Amino acid sequence: METEMNELIKEFAEQARKKPMGDSWCYTNPREFEQKFAELVIRECVHLVDTLNEAYEAPSTAGKFIKEHFGVE
């Protein structure tokens, strides 16, 4: 499991590091990186909570609560 987590973290960091600019990509500044990286981690957590709820057919608002708590839309 640790290997998977490390790979996800690397993937999120790579996604957060770059942003589209026209037909190419540019690097984000540190503040943009921090915000995007945190958003990606939060979205992954929400996805896991929602997936777990679906698997057990247990409706929950936990994913929505997590996003609201961190200000992620």
PDB file of N, CA and C in Angstrom:
ATOM      1  N   MET A   1       0.821  -1.193   0.000  1.00  0.00           N
ATOM      2  CA  MET A   1       0.000   0.000   0.000  1.00  0.00           C
ATOM      3  C   MET A   1       0.864   1.256   0.000  1.00  0.00           C
ATOM      4  N   GLU A   2       1.985   1.223   0.705  1.00  0.00           N
ATOM      5  CA  GLU A   2       2.850   2.394   0.771  1.00  0.00           C
ATOM      6  C   GLU A   2       3.360   2.779  -0.610  1.00  0.00           C
ATOM      7  N   THR A   3       3.707   1.789  -1.440  1.00  0.00           N
ATOM      8  CA  THR A   3       4.189   2.073  -2.784  1.00  0.00           C
ATOM      9  C   THR A   3       3.118   2.787  -3.594  1.00  0.00           C
ATOM     10  N   GLU A   4       1.877   2.335  -3.492  1.00  0.00           N
ATOM     11  CA  GLU A   4       0.788   2.978  -4.214  1.00  0.00           C
ATOM     12  C   GLU A   4       0.629   4.427  -3.765  1.00  0.00           C
ATOM     13  N   MET A   5       0.682   4.655  -2.460  1.00  0.00           N
ATOM     14  CA  MET A   5       0.529   6.004  -1.957  1.00  0.00           C
ATOM     15  C   MET A   5       1.647   6.895  -2.483  1.00  0.00           C
ATOM     16  N   ASN A   6       2.853   6.406  -2.466  1.00  0.00           N
ATOM     17  CA  ASN A   6       3.967   7.196  -2.962  1.00  0.00           C
ATOM     18  C   ASN A   6       3.785   7.542  -4.433  1.00  0.00           C
ATOM     19  N   GLU A   7       3.302   6.604  -5.214  1.00  0.00           N
ATOM     20  CA  GLU A   7       3.062   6.863  -6.631  1.00  0.00           C
ATOM     21  C   GLU A   7       1.964   7.904  -6.823  1.00  0.00           C
ATOM     22  N   LEU A   8       0.905   7.821  -6.035  1.00  0.00           N
ATOM     23  CA  LEU A   8      -0.155   8.824  -6.120  1.00  0.00           C
ATOM     24  C   LEU A   8       0.366  10.204  -5.741  1.00  0.00           C
ATOM     25  N   ILE A   9       1.148  10.272  -4.680  1.00  0.00           N
ATOM     26  CA  ILE A   9       1.706  11.547  -4.242  1.00  0.00           C
ATOM     27  C   ILE A   9       2.599  12.129  -5.341  1.00  0.00           C
ATOM     28  N   LYS A  10       3.413  11.308  -5.956  1.00  0.00           N
ATOM     29  CA  LYS A  10       4.265  11.776  -7.065  1.00  0.00           C
ATOM     30  C   LYS A  10       3.410  12.288  -8.216  1.00  0.00           C
ATOM     31  N   GLU A  11       2.343  11.550  -8.527  1.00  0.00           N
ATOM     32  CA  GLU A  11       1.445  11.957  -9.611  1.00  0.00           C
ATOM     33  C   GLU A  11       0.765  13.293  -9.289  1.00  0.00           C
ATOM     34  N   PHE A  12       0.291  13.437  -8.052  1.00  0.00           N
ATOM     35  CA  PHE A  12      -0.348  14.693  -7.653  1.00  0.00           C
ATOM     36  C   PHE A  12       0.651  15.851  -7.712  1.00  0.00           C
ATOM     37  N   ALA A  13       1.878  15.610  -7.260  1.00  0.00           N
ATOM     38  CA  ALA A  13       2.895  16.666  -7.299  1.00  0.00           C
ATOM     39  C   ALA A  13       3.176  17.093  -8.733  1.00  0.00           C
ATOM     40  N   GLU A  14       3.262  16.126  -9.636  1.00  0.00           N
ATOM     41  CA  GLU A  14       3.505  16.445 -11.050  1.00  0.00           C
ATOM     42  C   GLU A  14       2.349  17.250 -11.630  1.00  0.00           C
ATOM     43  N   GLN A  15       1.124  16.854 -11.308  1.00  0.00           N
ATOM     44  CA  GLN A  15      -0.047  17.589 -11.795  1.00  0.00           C
ATOM     45  C   GLN A  15      -0.082  19.006 -11.232  1.00  0.00           C
ATOM     46  N   ALA A  16       0.290  19.146  -9.964  1.00  0.00           N
ATOM     47  CA  ALA A  16       0.244  20.454  -9.311  1.00  0.00           C
ATOM     48  C   ALA A  16       1.365  21.370  -9.784  1.00  0.00           C
ATOM     49  N   ARG A  17       2.450  20.783 -10.238  1.00  0.00           N
ATOM     50  CA  ARG A  17       3.624  21.546 -10.640  1.00  0.00           C
ATOM     51  C   ARG A  17       3.412  22.315 -11.946  1.00  0.00           C
ATOM     52  N   LYS A  18       2.564  21.781 -12.814  1.00  0.00           N
ATOM     53  CA  LYS A  18       2.393  22.388 -14.141  1.00  0.00           C
ATOM     54  C   LYS A  18       0.963  22.862 -14.345  1.00  0.00           C
ATOM     55  N   LYS A  19       0.819  23.867 -15.190  1.00  0.00           N
ATOM     56  CA  LYS A  19      -0.505  24.337 -15.581  1.00  0.00           C
ATOM     57  C   LYS A  19      -0.482  24.666 -17.069  1.00  0.00           C
ATOM     58  N   PRO A  20      -1.629  24.533 -17.731  1.00  0.00           N
ATOM     59  CA  PRO A  20      -1.660  24.815 -19.170  1.00  0.00           C
ATOM     60  C   PRO A  20      -1.460  26.299 -19.447  1.00  0.00           C
ATOM     61  N   MET A  21      -0.740  26.573 -20.526  1.00  0.00           N
ATOM     62  CA  MET A  21      -0.567  27.942 -20.990  1.00  0.00           C
ATOM     63  C   MET A  21      -0.579  27.899 -22.510  1.00  0.00           C
ATOM     64  N   GLY A  22      -1.731  28.223 -23.069  1.00  0.00           N
ATOM     65  CA  GLY A  22      -1.878  28.122 -24.513  1.00  0.00           C
ATOM     66  C   GLY A  22      -1.756  26.668 -24.945  1.00  0.00           C
ATOM     67  N   ASP A  23      -0.847  26.419 -25.876  1.00  0.00           N
ATOM     68  CA  ASP A  23      -0.630  25.061 -26.378  1.00  0.00           C
ATOM     69  C   ASP A  23       0.463  24.319 -25.616  1.00  0.00           C
ATOM     70  N   SER A  24       1.002  24.923 -24.563  1.00  0.00           N
ATOM     71  CA  SER A  24       2.081  24.275 -23.816  1.00  0.00           C
ATOM     72  C   SER A  24       1.782  24.328 -22.315  1.00  0.00           C
ATOM     73  N   TRP A  25       2.786  24.040 -21.527  1.00  0.00           N
ATOM     74  CA  TRP A  25       2.657  24.021 -20.081  1.00  0.00           C
ATOM     75  C   TRP A  25       3.686  24.949 -19.465  1.00  0.00           C
ATOM     76  N   CYS A  26       3.367  25.515 -18.310  1.00  0.00           N
ATOM     77  CA  CYS A  26       4.358  26.283 -17.571  1.00  0.00           C
ATOM     78  C   CYS A  26       4.324  25.806 -16.123  1.00  0.00           C
ATOM     79  N   TYR A  27       5.352  26.168 -15.397  1.00  0.00           N
ATOM     80  CA  TYR A  27       5.422  25.748 -14.000  1.00  0.00           C
ATOM     81  C   TYR A  27       4.688  26.735 -13.113  1.00  0.00           C
ATOM     82  N   THR A  28       4.034  26.208 -12.085  1.00  0.00           N
ATOM     83  CA  THR A  28       3.291  27.049 -11.154  1.00  0.00           C
ATOM     84  C   THR A  28       4.243  27.648 -10.130  1.00  0.00           C
ATOM     85  N   ASN A  29       3.801  28.730  -9.504  1.00  0.00           N
ATOM     86  CA  ASN A  29       4.596  29.289  -8.417  1.00  0.00           C
ATOM     87  C   ASN A  29       4.318  28.466  -7.154  1.00  0.00           C
ATOM     88  N   PRO A  30       5.112  28.646  -6.100  1.00  0.00           N
ATOM     89  CA  PRO A  30       4.933  27.808  -4.898  1.00  0.00           C
ATOM     90  C   PRO A  30       3.525  27.865  -4.300  1.00  0.00           C
ATOM     91  N   ARG A  31       2.901  29.019  -4.278  1.00  0.00           N
ATOM     92  CA  ARG A  31       1.557  29.129  -3.701  1.00  0.00           C
ATOM     93  C   ARG A  31       0.542  28.347  -4.541  1.00  0.00           C
ATOM     94  N   GLU A  32       0.623  28.478  -5.866  1.00  0.00           N
ATOM     95  CA  GLU A  32      -0.281  27.724  -6.744  1.00  0.00           C
ATOM     96  C   GLU A  32      -0.057  26.225  -6.574  1.00  0.00           C
ATOM     97  N   PHE A  33       1.220  25.829  -6.463  1.00  0.00           N
ATOM     98  CA  PHE A  33       1.539  24.421  -6.275  1.00  0.00           C
ATOM     99  C   PHE A  33       0.888  23.888  -5.006  1.00  0.00           C
ATOM    100  N   GLU A  34       1.072  24.618  -3.895  1.00  0.00           N
ATOM    101  CA  GLU A  34       0.515  24.171  -2.612  1.00  0.00           C
ATOM    102  C   GLU A  34      -0.997  24.018  -2.684  1.00  0.00           C
ATOM    103  N   GLN A  35      -1.661  24.991  -3.283  1.00  0.00           N
ATOM    104  CA  GLN A  35      -3.119  24.936  -3.379  1.00  0.00           C
ATOM    105  C   GLN A  35      -3.583  23.774  -4.242  1.00  0.00           C
ATOM    106  N   LYS A  36      -2.954  23.611  -5.404  1.00  0.00           N
ATOM    107  CA  LYS A  36      -3.361  22.541  -6.316  1.00  0.00           C
ATOM    108  C   LYS A  36      -3.050  21.171  -5.725  1.00  0.00           C
ATOM    109  N   PHE A  37      -1.890  21.029  -5.102  1.00  0.00           N
ATOM    110  CA  PHE A  37      -1.513  19.755  -4.507  1.00  0.00           C
ATOM    111  C   PHE A  37      -2.500  19.371  -3.403  1.00  0.00           C
ATOM    112  N   ALA A  38      -2.810  20.312  -2.530  1.00  0.00           N
ATOM    113  CA  ALA A  38      -3.767  20.052  -1.447  1.00  0.00           C
ATOM    114  C   ALA A  38      -5.131  19.689  -2.020  1.00  0.00           C
ATOM    115  N   GLU A  39      -5.558  20.405  -3.054  1.00  0.00           N
ATOM    116  CA  GLU A  39      -6.852  20.115  -3.669  1.00  0.00           C
ATOM    117  C   GLU A  39      -6.891  18.697  -4.227  1.00  0.00           C
ATOM    118  N   LEU A  40      -5.826  18.273  -4.878  1.00  0.00           N
ATOM    119  CA  LEU A  40      -5.778  16.924  -5.444  1.00  0.00           C
ATOM    120  C   LEU A  40      -5.841  15.858  -4.352  1.00  0.00           C
ATOM    121  N   VAL A  41      -5.137  16.078  -3.249  1.00  0.00           N
ATOM    122  CA  VAL A  41      -5.169  15.122  -2.145  1.00  0.00           C
ATOM    123  C   VAL A  41      -6.570  15.067  -1.536  1.00  0.00           C
ATOM    124  N   ILE A  42      -7.182  16.236  -1.334  1.00  0.00           N
ATOM    125  CA  ILE A  42      -8.527  16.288  -0.762  1.00  0.00           C
ATOM    126  C   ILE A  42      -9.527  15.587  -1.680  1.00  0.00           C
ATOM    127  N   ARG A  43      -9.442  15.855  -2.974  1.00  0.00           N
ATOM    128  CA  ARG A  43     -10.359  15.209  -3.920  1.00  0.00           C
ATOM    129  C   ARG A  43     -10.202  13.686  -3.895  1.00  0.00           C
ATOM    130  N   GLU A  44      -8.972  13.206  -3.752  1.00  0.00           N
ATOM    131  CA  GLU A  44      -8.735  11.765  -3.680  1.00  0.00           C
ATOM    132  C   GLU A  44      -9.365  11.190  -2.413  1.00  0.00           C
ATOM    133  N   CYS A  45      -9.244  11.892  -1.299  1.00  0.00           N
ATOM    134  CA  CYS A  45      -9.859  11.441  -0.045  1.00  0.00           C
ATOM    135  C   CYS A  45     -11.380  11.387  -0.183  1.00  0.00           C
ATOM    136  N   VAL A  46     -11.953  12.417  -0.781  1.00  0.00           N
ATOM    137  CA  VAL A  46     -13.403  12.445  -0.993  1.00  0.00           C
ATOM    138  C   VAL A  46     -13.823  11.285  -1.887  1.00  0.00           C
ATOM    139  N   HIS A  47     -13.055  11.042  -2.924  1.00  0.00           N
ATOM    140  CA  HIS A  47     -13.353   9.929  -3.831  1.00  0.00           C
ATOM    141  C   HIS A  47     -13.350   8.596  -3.067  1.00  0.00           C
ATOM    142  N   LEU A  48     -12.377   8.408  -2.196  1.00  0.00           N
ATOM    143  CA  LEU A  48     -12.309   7.171  -1.422  1.00  0.00           C
ATOM    144  C   LEU A  48     -13.503   7.032  -0.485  1.00  0.00           C
ATOM    145  N   VAL A  49     -13.876   8.114   0.175  1.00  0.00           N
ATOM    146  CA  VAL A  49     -15.040   8.079   1.082  1.00  0.00           C
ATOM    147  C   VAL A  49     -16.300   7.755   0.294  1.00  0.00           C
ATOM    148  N   ASP A  50     -16.482   8.426  -0.837  1.00  0.00           N
ATOM    149  CA  ASP A  50     -17.671   8.182  -1.654  1.00  0.00           C
ATOM    150  C   ASP A  50     -17.703   6.748  -2.193  1.00  0.00           C
ATOM    151  N   THR A  51     -16.549   6.230  -2.597  1.00  0.00           N
ATOM    152  CA  THR A  51     -16.467   4.858  -3.105  1.00  0.00           C
ATOM    153  C   THR A  51     -16.809   3.857  -2.005  1.00  0.00           C
ATOM    154  N   LEU A  52     -16.301   4.095  -0.818  1.00  0.00           N
ATOM    155  CA  LEU A  52     -16.602   3.216   0.312  1.00  0.00           C
ATOM    156  C   LEU A  52     -18.091   3.233   0.622  1.00  0.00           C
ATOM    157  N   ASN A  53     -18.678   4.414   0.616  1.00  0.00           N
ATOM    158  CA  ASN A  53     -20.113   4.523   0.882  1.00  0.00           C
ATOM    159  C   ASN A  53     -20.928   3.779  -0.165  1.00  0.00           C
ATOM    160  N   GLU A  54     -20.536   3.898  -1.423  1.00  0.00           N
ATOM    161  CA  GLU A  54     -21.243   3.195  -2.494  1.00  0.00           C
ATOM    162  C   GLU A  54     -21.107   1.678  -2.331  1.00  0.00           C
ATOM    163  N   ALA A  55     -19.919   1.226  -1.962  1.00  0.00           N
ATOM    164  CA  ALA A  55     -19.682  -0.210  -1.814  1.00  0.00           C
ATOM    165  C   ALA A  55     -20.566  -0.809  -0.733  1.00  0.00           C
ATOM    166  N   TYR A  56     -20.808  -0.052   0.302  1.00  0.00           N
ATOM    167  CA  TYR A  56     -21.648  -0.546   1.401  1.00  0.00           C
ATOM    168  C   TYR A  56     -23.081  -0.032   1.308  1.00  0.00           C
ATOM    169  N   GLU A  57     -23.389   0.612   0.172  1.00  0.00           N
ATOM    170  CA  GLU A  57     -24.718   1.167  -0.060  1.00  0.00           C
ATOM    171  C   GLU A  57     -25.189   1.987   1.142  1.00  0.00           C
ATOM    172  N   ALA A  58     -24.255   2.799   1.651  1.00  0.00           N
ATOM    173  CA  ALA A  58     -24.542   3.629   2.817  1.00  0.00           C
ATOM    174  C   ALA A  58     -24.442   5.095   2.408  1.00  0.00           C
ATOM    175  N   PRO A  59     -25.578   5.735   2.209  1.00  0.00           N
ATOM    176  CA  PRO A  59     -25.526   7.134   1.821  1.00  0.00           C
ATOM    177  C   PRO A  59     -24.844   7.964   2.904  1.00  0.00           C
ATOM    178  N   SER A  60     -24.001   8.877   2.479  1.00  0.00           N
ATOM    179  CA  SER A  60     -23.261   9.696   3.428  1.00  0.00           C
ATOM    180  C   SER A  60     -22.991  11.058   2.818  1.00  0.00           C
ATOM    181  N   THR A  61     -22.847  12.027   3.665  1.00  0.00           N
ATOM    182  CA  THR A  61     -22.484  13.368   3.203  1.00  0.00           C
ATOM    183  C   THR A  61     -21.040  13.678   3.581  1.00  0.00           C
ATOM    184  N   ALA A  62     -20.283  12.656   3.958  1.00  0.00           N
ATOM    185  CA  ALA A  62     -18.903  12.866   4.406  1.00  0.00           C
ATOM    186  C   ALA A  62     -18.046  13.518   3.332  1.00  0.00           C
ATOM    187  N   GLY A  63     -18.166  13.060   2.088  1.00  0.00           N
ATOM    188  CA  GLY A  63     -17.376  13.647   1.007  1.00  0.00           C
ATOM    189  C   GLY A  63     -17.677  15.119   0.830  1.00  0.00           C
ATOM    190  N   LYS A  64     -18.958  15.463   0.850  1.00  0.00           N
ATOM    191  CA  LYS A  64     -19.370  16.864   0.725  1.00  0.00           C
ATOM    192  C   LYS A  64     -18.844  17.680   1.905  1.00  0.00           C
ATOM    193  N   PHE A  65     -18.930  17.125   3.096  1.00  0.00           N
ATOM    194  CA  PHE A  65     -18.449  17.815   4.290  1.00  0.00           C
ATOM    195  C   PHE A  65     -16.952  18.082   4.197  1.00  0.00           C
ATOM    196  N   ILE A  66     -16.182  17.096   3.746  1.00  0.00           N
ATOM    197  CA  ILE A  66     -14.727  17.259   3.618  1.00  0.00           C
ATOM    198  C   ILE A  66     -14.409  18.390   2.646  1.00  0.00           C
ATOM    199  N   LYS A  67     -15.060  18.391   1.474  1.00  0.00           N
ATOM    200  CA  LYS A  67     -14.818  19.446   0.490  1.00  0.00           C
ATOM    201  C   LYS A  67     -15.182  20.816   1.043  1.00  0.00           C
ATOM    202  N   GLU A  68     -16.322  20.925   1.716  1.00  0.00           N
ATOM    203  CA  GLU A  68     -16.738  22.204   2.288  1.00  0.00           C
ATOM    204  C   GLU A  68     -15.751  22.659   3.362  1.00  0.00           C
ATOM    205  N   HIS A  69     -15.298  21.721   4.172  1.00  0.00           N
ATOM    206  CA  HIS A  69     -14.379  22.064   5.266  1.00  0.00           C
ATOM    207  C   HIS A  69     -13.090  22.681   4.733  1.00  0.00           C
ATOM    208  N   PHE A  70     -12.593  22.162   3.611  1.00  0.00           N
ATOM    209  CA  PHE A  70     -11.350  22.658   3.031  1.00  0.00           C
ATOM    210  C   PHE A  70     -11.554  23.682   1.932  1.00  0.00           C
ATOM    211  N   GLY A  71     -12.809  24.011   1.634  1.00  0.00           N
ATOM    212  CA  GLY A  71     -13.098  25.014   0.613  1.00  0.00           C
ATOM    213  C   GLY A  71     -12.810  24.547  -0.799  1.00  0.00           C
ATOM    214  N   VAL A  72     -13.004  23.274  -1.061  1.00  0.00           N
ATOM    215  CA  VAL A  72     -12.797  22.696  -2.391  1.00  0.00           C
ATOM    216  C   VAL A  72     -14.162  22.495  -3.036  1.00  0.00           C
ATOM    217  N   GLU A  73     -14.305  22.962  -4.267  1.00  0.00           N
ATOM    218  CA  GLU A  73     -15.596  22.806  -4.961  1.00  0.00           C
ATOM    219  C   GLU A  73     -15.642  21.536  -5.756  1.00  0.00           C
TER     220      GLU A  73
END
